[in-house]
Protein backbone atom coordinates (compact mmCIF):
# COMPACT_ATOMS: atom_id res chain seq x y z
CA UNK A 1 -11.91 23.53 5.34
CA UNK A 2 -14.78 21.04 5.75
CA UNK A 3 -18.23 22.58 6.05
CA UNK A 4 -20.52 21.95 9.01
CA UNK A 5 -22.34 19.10 7.27
CA UNK A 6 -19.07 17.24 6.64
CA UNK A 7 -17.80 17.92 10.15
CA UNK A 8 -20.99 16.51 11.62
CA UNK A 9 -20.72 13.39 9.45
CA UNK A 10 -17.11 12.92 10.53
CA UNK A 11 -18.18 13.07 14.17
CA UNK A 12 -21.15 10.73 13.61
CA UNK A 13 -18.95 8.18 11.84
CA UNK A 14 -16.29 8.49 14.51
CA UNK A 15 -18.87 7.73 17.21
CA UNK A 16 -20.44 4.87 15.26
CA UNK A 17 -17.14 3.13 14.43
CA UNK A 18 -15.42 4.12 17.69
CA UNK A 19 -12.52 5.60 15.73
CA UNK A 20 -10.60 8.81 16.26
CA UNK A 21 -12.13 11.71 14.31
CA UNK A 22 -8.78 12.41 12.62
CA UNK A 23 -8.90 8.95 11.00
CA UNK A 24 -12.32 9.65 9.47
CA UNK A 25 -11.15 13.09 8.36
CA UNK A 26 -7.95 11.86 6.70
CA UNK A 27 -9.80 8.97 5.07
CA UNK A 28 -12.03 11.54 3.38
CA UNK A 29 -9.03 13.28 1.78
CA UNK A 30 -7.37 9.97 0.87
CA UNK A 31 -10.56 8.98 -0.94
CA UNK A 32 -10.76 12.36 -2.67
CA UNK A 33 -7.21 11.90 -3.97
CA UNK A 34 -7.92 8.38 -5.25
CA UNK A 35 -11.17 9.44 -6.91
CA UNK A 36 -9.51 12.40 -8.63
CA UNK A 37 -6.44 10.65 -10.02
CA UNK A 38 -7.29 6.97 -10.51
CA UNK A 39 -8.93 7.38 -13.92
CA UNK A 40 -6.00 9.12 -15.57
CA UNK A 41 -4.65 7.33 -18.63
CA UNK A 42 -3.48 8.05 -22.14
CA UNK A 43 -2.61 6.08 -25.25
CA UNK A 44 0.44 4.47 -23.64
CA UNK A 45 -0.07 4.25 -19.87
CA UNK A 46 -2.72 4.01 -17.18
CA UNK A 47 -2.77 4.12 -13.39
CA UNK A 48 -3.65 0.99 -11.41
CA UNK A 49 -4.40 1.29 -7.69
CA UNK A 50 -2.24 -0.94 -5.48
CA UNK A 51 -0.82 -1.48 -2.00
CA UNK A 52 -2.37 -1.51 1.44
CA UNK A 53 -4.80 1.33 0.81
CA UNK A 54 -6.15 -0.61 -2.16
CA UNK A 55 -6.63 -3.65 0.10
CA UNK A 56 -8.46 -1.49 2.63
CA UNK A 57 -10.56 0.80 0.46
CA UNK A 58 -11.14 -1.15 -2.77
CA UNK A 59 -10.93 -4.85 -1.90
CA UNK A 60 -11.94 -4.28 1.74
CA UNK A 61 -10.06 -7.35 2.98
CA UNK A 62 -8.20 -5.38 5.65
CA UNK A 63 -10.07 -3.23 8.16
CA UNK A 64 -7.59 -0.53 8.99
CA UNK A 65 -6.64 3.03 8.28
CA UNK A 66 -4.23 3.31 5.37
CA UNK A 67 -2.84 6.75 4.64
CA UNK A 68 -0.53 6.26 1.65
CA UNK A 69 -1.87 6.17 -1.89
CA UNK A 70 0.09 3.92 -4.25
CA UNK A 71 -0.45 3.47 -7.96
CA UNK A 72 1.39 1.40 -10.52
CA UNK A 73 1.87 2.94 -13.93
CA UNK A 74 0.97 0.14 -16.31
CA UNK A 75 2.32 0.14 -19.85
CA UNK A 76 -0.22 -0.55 -22.57
CA UNK A 77 0.44 -2.83 -25.53
CA UNK A 78 0.96 0.29 -27.67
CA UNK A 79 4.41 0.61 -26.04
CA UNK A 80 5.57 -2.93 -26.89
CA UNK A 81 7.84 -1.82 -29.72
CA UNK A 82 9.18 1.31 -27.99
CA UNK A 83 12.88 1.78 -27.52
CA UNK A 84 13.93 2.63 -23.98
CA UNK A 85 14.41 6.30 -24.84
CA UNK A 86 11.00 6.50 -26.51
CA UNK A 87 9.34 4.81 -23.54
CA UNK A 88 10.99 7.18 -21.06
CA UNK A 89 9.98 10.18 -23.16
CA UNK A 90 6.33 9.11 -23.22
CA UNK A 91 6.49 8.25 -19.51
CA UNK A 92 7.63 11.78 -18.74
CA UNK A 93 4.72 13.15 -20.78
CA UNK A 94 2.31 10.96 -18.80
CA UNK A 95 3.90 12.00 -15.50
CA UNK A 96 3.52 15.68 -16.37
CA UNK A 97 -0.08 15.06 -17.41
CA UNK A 98 -0.69 13.45 -14.04
CA UNK A 99 0.98 16.33 -12.20
CA UNK A 100 -1.28 18.78 -14.02
CA UNK A 101 -4.22 17.22 -12.12
CA UNK A 102 -2.72 17.96 -8.69
CA UNK A 103 -4.82 21.11 -8.16
CA UNK A 104 -7.38 19.40 -5.93
CA UNK A 105 -9.70 21.33 -3.57
CA UNK A 106 -8.34 21.45 0.01
CA UNK A 107 -5.20 19.49 -0.93
CA UNK A 108 -1.80 21.11 -1.44
CA UNK A 109 0.84 19.19 -3.40
CA UNK A 110 4.56 19.36 -2.67
CA UNK A 111 7.15 19.44 -5.41
CA UNK A 112 7.34 15.95 -6.94
CA UNK A 113 10.39 13.81 -6.20
CA UNK A 114 11.41 11.84 -9.29
CA UNK A 115 13.78 8.87 -9.24
CA UNK A 116 14.98 5.95 -11.37
CA UNK A 117 14.83 7.68 -14.77
CA UNK A 118 11.31 8.91 -14.06
CA UNK A 119 9.95 5.43 -13.34
CA UNK A 120 9.23 6.40 -9.73
CA UNK A 121 7.78 9.60 -8.33
CA UNK A 122 6.25 10.70 -5.04
CA UNK A 123 4.32 13.73 -3.86
CA UNK A 124 3.08 14.75 -0.43
CA UNK A 125 -0.38 16.26 -0.18
CA UNK A 126 -1.21 18.30 2.90
CA UNK A 127 -4.79 18.83 3.96
CA UNK A 128 -6.58 21.21 6.38
CA UNK A 129 -6.90 19.08 9.51
CA UNK A 130 -9.56 20.29 11.92
CA UNK A 131 -9.02 17.50 14.44
CA UNK A 132 -5.93 16.69 16.48
CA UNK A 133 -4.11 13.93 14.66
CA UNK A 134 -4.10 10.40 15.99
CA UNK A 135 -0.55 9.70 17.28
CA UNK A 136 0.10 7.25 14.44
CA UNK A 137 -1.14 9.40 11.55
CA UNK A 138 1.13 11.61 9.49
CA UNK A 139 -0.01 15.18 8.69
CA UNK A 140 0.14 14.51 4.95
CA UNK A 141 -0.90 11.94 2.35
CA UNK A 142 2.00 10.28 0.55
CA UNK A 143 1.17 9.64 -3.11
CA UNK A 144 3.56 7.35 -4.99
CA UNK A 145 3.43 6.14 -8.57
CA UNK A 146 5.82 3.64 -10.11
CA UNK A 147 6.22 2.15 -13.57
CA UNK A 148 5.78 -1.52 -12.82
CA UNK A 149 4.75 -4.83 -14.30
CA UNK A 150 1.39 -6.23 -13.24
CA UNK A 151 1.38 -10.01 -13.37
CA UNK A 152 -2.29 -10.82 -12.74
CA UNK A 153 -5.48 -9.57 -14.33
CA UNK A 154 -6.45 -6.10 -13.14
CA UNK A 155 -9.80 -5.97 -11.34
CA UNK A 156 -12.37 -3.17 -11.10
CA UNK A 157 -13.51 -1.97 -7.68
CA UNK A 158 -15.34 1.01 -6.22
CA UNK A 159 -13.74 3.26 -3.61
CA UNK A 160 -15.66 5.21 -0.98
CA UNK A 161 -15.09 7.00 2.30
CA UNK A 162 -15.62 5.42 5.69
CA UNK A 163 -18.50 7.86 6.07
CA UNK A 164 -20.18 6.51 2.93
CA UNK A 165 -19.56 2.91 4.00
CA UNK A 166 -21.15 3.64 7.37
CA UNK A 167 -24.11 5.61 6.01
CA UNK A 168 -25.04 4.04 2.63
CA UNK A 169 -27.43 6.87 1.71
CA UNK A 170 -24.58 9.38 1.96
CA UNK A 171 -22.85 10.38 -1.29
CA UNK A 172 -19.77 12.59 -0.97
CA UNK A 173 -18.11 11.80 -4.29
CA UNK A 174 -19.46 10.64 -7.66
CA UNK A 175 -19.65 6.87 -7.95
CA UNK A 176 -16.73 5.59 -9.99
CA UNK A 177 -14.81 2.40 -10.73
CA UNK A 178 -11.08 2.04 -10.13
CA UNK A 179 -8.58 -0.31 -11.77
CA UNK A 180 -6.89 -2.33 -8.99
CA UNK A 181 -4.09 -4.84 -8.60
CA UNK A 182 -5.44 -8.24 -7.49
CA UNK A 183 -5.42 -9.13 -3.78
CA UNK A 184 -3.01 -12.06 -4.02
CA UNK A 185 -0.50 -10.18 -6.16
CA UNK A 186 -0.45 -7.44 -3.52
CA UNK A 187 -0.11 -10.07 -0.78
CA UNK A 188 2.95 -11.60 -2.40
CA UNK A 189 4.57 -8.17 -2.83
CA UNK A 190 3.91 -7.45 0.85
CA UNK A 191 5.42 -10.75 1.95
CA UNK A 192 8.56 -10.17 -0.15
CA UNK A 193 8.93 -6.60 1.14
CA UNK A 194 8.50 -7.66 4.76
CA UNK A 195 10.90 -10.60 4.71
CA UNK A 196 13.60 -8.69 2.83
CA UNK A 197 13.48 -5.46 4.83
CA UNK A 198 13.36 -6.80 8.40
CA UNK A 199 16.87 -8.24 8.16
CA UNK A 200 18.03 -5.23 6.10
CA UNK A 201 16.90 -2.90 8.91
CA UNK A 202 18.74 -5.05 11.43
CA UNK A 203 21.94 -4.76 9.38
CA UNK A 204 21.51 -1.01 8.91
CA UNK A 205 21.22 -1.24 5.13
CA UNK A 206 17.59 -0.04 5.18
CA UNK A 207 16.11 2.81 7.22
CA UNK A 208 14.07 1.74 10.23
CA UNK A 209 10.38 1.71 9.33
CA UNK A 210 8.01 1.14 12.24
CA UNK A 211 5.04 0.93 9.85
CA UNK A 212 6.54 -2.15 8.16
CA UNK A 213 4.66 -4.23 10.73
CA UNK A 214 1.45 -3.43 8.86
CA UNK A 215 2.36 -6.20 6.43
CA UNK A 216 2.01 -8.77 9.22
CA UNK A 217 -1.55 -7.62 9.92
CA UNK A 218 -2.43 -7.38 6.22
CA UNK A 219 -1.10 -10.83 5.31
CA UNK A 220 -3.02 -12.40 8.19
CA UNK A 221 -6.21 -10.63 7.13
CA UNK A 222 -5.75 -11.80 3.52
CA UNK A 223 -5.05 -15.40 4.55
CA UNK A 224 -8.23 -15.34 6.63
CA UNK A 225 -10.39 -13.81 3.89
CA UNK A 226 -8.82 -15.22 0.71
CA UNK A 227 -6.07 -17.79 1.39
CA UNK A 228 -3.12 -17.47 -0.98
CA UNK A 229 -3.16 -20.40 -3.47
CA UNK A 230 -0.05 -22.30 -4.50
CA UNK A 231 -0.08 -20.92 -8.03
CA UNK A 232 0.91 -17.54 -6.61
CA UNK A 233 4.05 -18.95 -5.02
CA UNK A 234 5.87 -18.97 -8.37
CA UNK A 235 5.11 -15.25 -8.57
CA UNK A 236 6.71 -14.91 -5.13
CA UNK A 237 9.81 -16.70 -6.42
CA UNK A 238 10.03 -14.34 -9.40
CA UNK A 239 9.75 -11.24 -7.18
CA UNK A 240 12.31 -12.59 -4.67
CA UNK A 241 14.84 -13.23 -7.44
CA UNK A 242 14.14 -9.84 -9.03
CA UNK A 243 14.60 -8.06 -5.69
CA UNK A 244 17.77 -10.03 -5.03
CA UNK A 245 19.29 -8.57 -8.20
CA UNK A 246 17.79 -5.10 -7.84
CA UNK A 247 19.06 -4.64 -4.28
CA UNK A 248 22.25 -6.71 -4.46
CA UNK A 249 24.45 -3.70 -3.66
CA UNK A 250 22.42 -2.72 -0.58
CA UNK A 251 21.61 -6.30 0.49
CA UNK A 252 24.37 -8.61 -0.81
CA UNK A 253 23.42 -11.32 1.70
CA UNK A 254 19.88 -11.42 0.29
CA UNK A 255 21.22 -11.65 -3.25
CA UNK A 256 23.50 -14.53 -2.26
CA UNK A 257 20.96 -16.54 -0.27
CA UNK A 258 17.42 -15.13 -0.10
CA UNK A 259 16.01 -18.19 1.72
CA UNK A 260 18.47 -17.77 4.58
CA UNK A 261 17.73 -14.04 4.82
CA UNK A 262 13.99 -14.71 4.86
CA UNK A 263 14.46 -17.10 7.79
CA UNK A 264 16.61 -14.55 9.63
CA UNK A 265 13.85 -11.99 9.20
CA UNK A 266 11.37 -14.46 10.69
CA UNK A 267 13.68 -15.06 13.65
CA UNK A 268 13.89 -11.31 14.27
CA UNK A 269 10.11 -10.96 14.09
CA UNK A 270 9.78 -13.74 16.66
CA UNK A 271 12.52 -12.69 19.07
CA UNK A 272 13.06 -8.93 18.85
CA UNK A 273 10.59 -7.23 21.24
CA UNK A 274 10.31 -4.01 19.22
CA UNK A 275 8.39 -5.74 16.41
CA UNK A 276 5.89 -7.24 18.85
CA UNK A 277 5.42 -3.80 20.45
CA UNK A 278 4.96 -2.15 17.07
CA UNK A 279 2.39 -4.75 16.05
CA UNK A 280 0.21 -4.12 19.08
CA UNK A 281 0.61 -0.33 18.73
CA UNK A 282 -0.50 -0.62 15.12
CA UNK A 283 -3.49 -2.79 16.03
CA UNK A 284 -4.56 -0.38 18.75
CA UNK A 285 -4.22 2.81 16.72
CA UNK A 286 -4.91 1.87 13.10
CA UNK A 287 -7.14 -1.22 13.01
CA UNK A 288 -10.90 -0.70 13.07
CA UNK A 289 -11.74 -3.90 14.94
CA UNK A 290 -8.64 -4.56 17.09
CA UNK A 291 -10.32 -7.31 19.12
CA UNK A 292 -10.54 -9.42 15.96
CA UNK A 293 -6.87 -9.05 15.03
CA UNK A 294 -4.66 -12.11 15.43
CA UNK A 295 -2.44 -12.52 18.47
CA UNK A 296 1.14 -11.63 17.51
CA UNK A 297 2.57 -15.14 17.82
CA UNK A 298 -0.25 -16.58 15.72
CA UNK A 299 0.23 -13.81 13.17
CA UNK A 300 3.94 -14.59 12.84
CA UNK A 301 3.15 -18.30 12.47
CA UNK A 302 1.00 -17.42 9.45
CA UNK A 303 3.93 -15.50 7.94
CA UNK A 304 6.26 -18.41 8.72
CA UNK A 305 3.94 -20.93 7.05
CA UNK A 306 3.70 -18.77 3.93
CA UNK A 307 7.48 -18.33 3.95
CA UNK A 308 8.04 -22.08 4.16
CA UNK A 309 5.79 -22.59 1.14
CA UNK A 310 7.61 -19.94 -0.89
CA UNK A 311 11.09 -21.14 0.08
CA UNK A 312 10.22 -24.61 -1.21
CA UNK A 313 9.86 -22.99 -4.64
CA UNK A 314 13.24 -21.23 -4.39
CA UNK A 315 15.26 -24.45 -4.41
């Protein structure tokens, strides 16, 4: 349970930023989780912060609440000569080492869910919420870690709470540096995920995910802050083709013709009212400066322009 000092700072930050107190509160626990786990590594693997929360809290190119914590497990060069069985054995050791760090003050970890030969795992952390949750927030923090290739150079960034950003003299956690996936690599992954899943949801081959619309906001914010250069479009092609093979059983149409499926996703984003509604709900409830967010039609045009550039590399 937060002490009176922390509660007062949550309220002060909430007033200053005009954000719901539950957002400031959950951001504190999200930051605590990142700070506690991000430095874990051994001889063979290390964690690298990624995803939307990395964009928000490390790169600070999106100004929104992000409540999931995603890390990639990066193989070190010491694993280059490993057989598959040896690699999976050492990965399990690393995963268990990571799980041994889950005893974090005020956070309670669920039993880990492990998939794909141990290459993917997720855990839910509950926290003692004092404030009534914002309608969009979940009552837990989803922590996911996945063995994954990282194509671009990893960058080092600091992570702090919204309270510490607002009041620079405030120090709630020790200052530390976190390994992070680069902004444009994350952007390309978001674009691929968005344009593959929208049509998959429509066909019923992927569960409906109202939060998927966050990628539209994030990609617009990235294009405004750090426009995606053409040399990243080949990376997009590689990820599209990899996803086409990985999900060919669930999404055979995408495997057969990803460009056509990407365009169908764009048509759905333009014409299906639910995605427009979800965008504005997201902007209202999760974005810190909603007045500065792009109008929906303009936002989709940005996605369409990026899609056109990527598709030109697919042929």
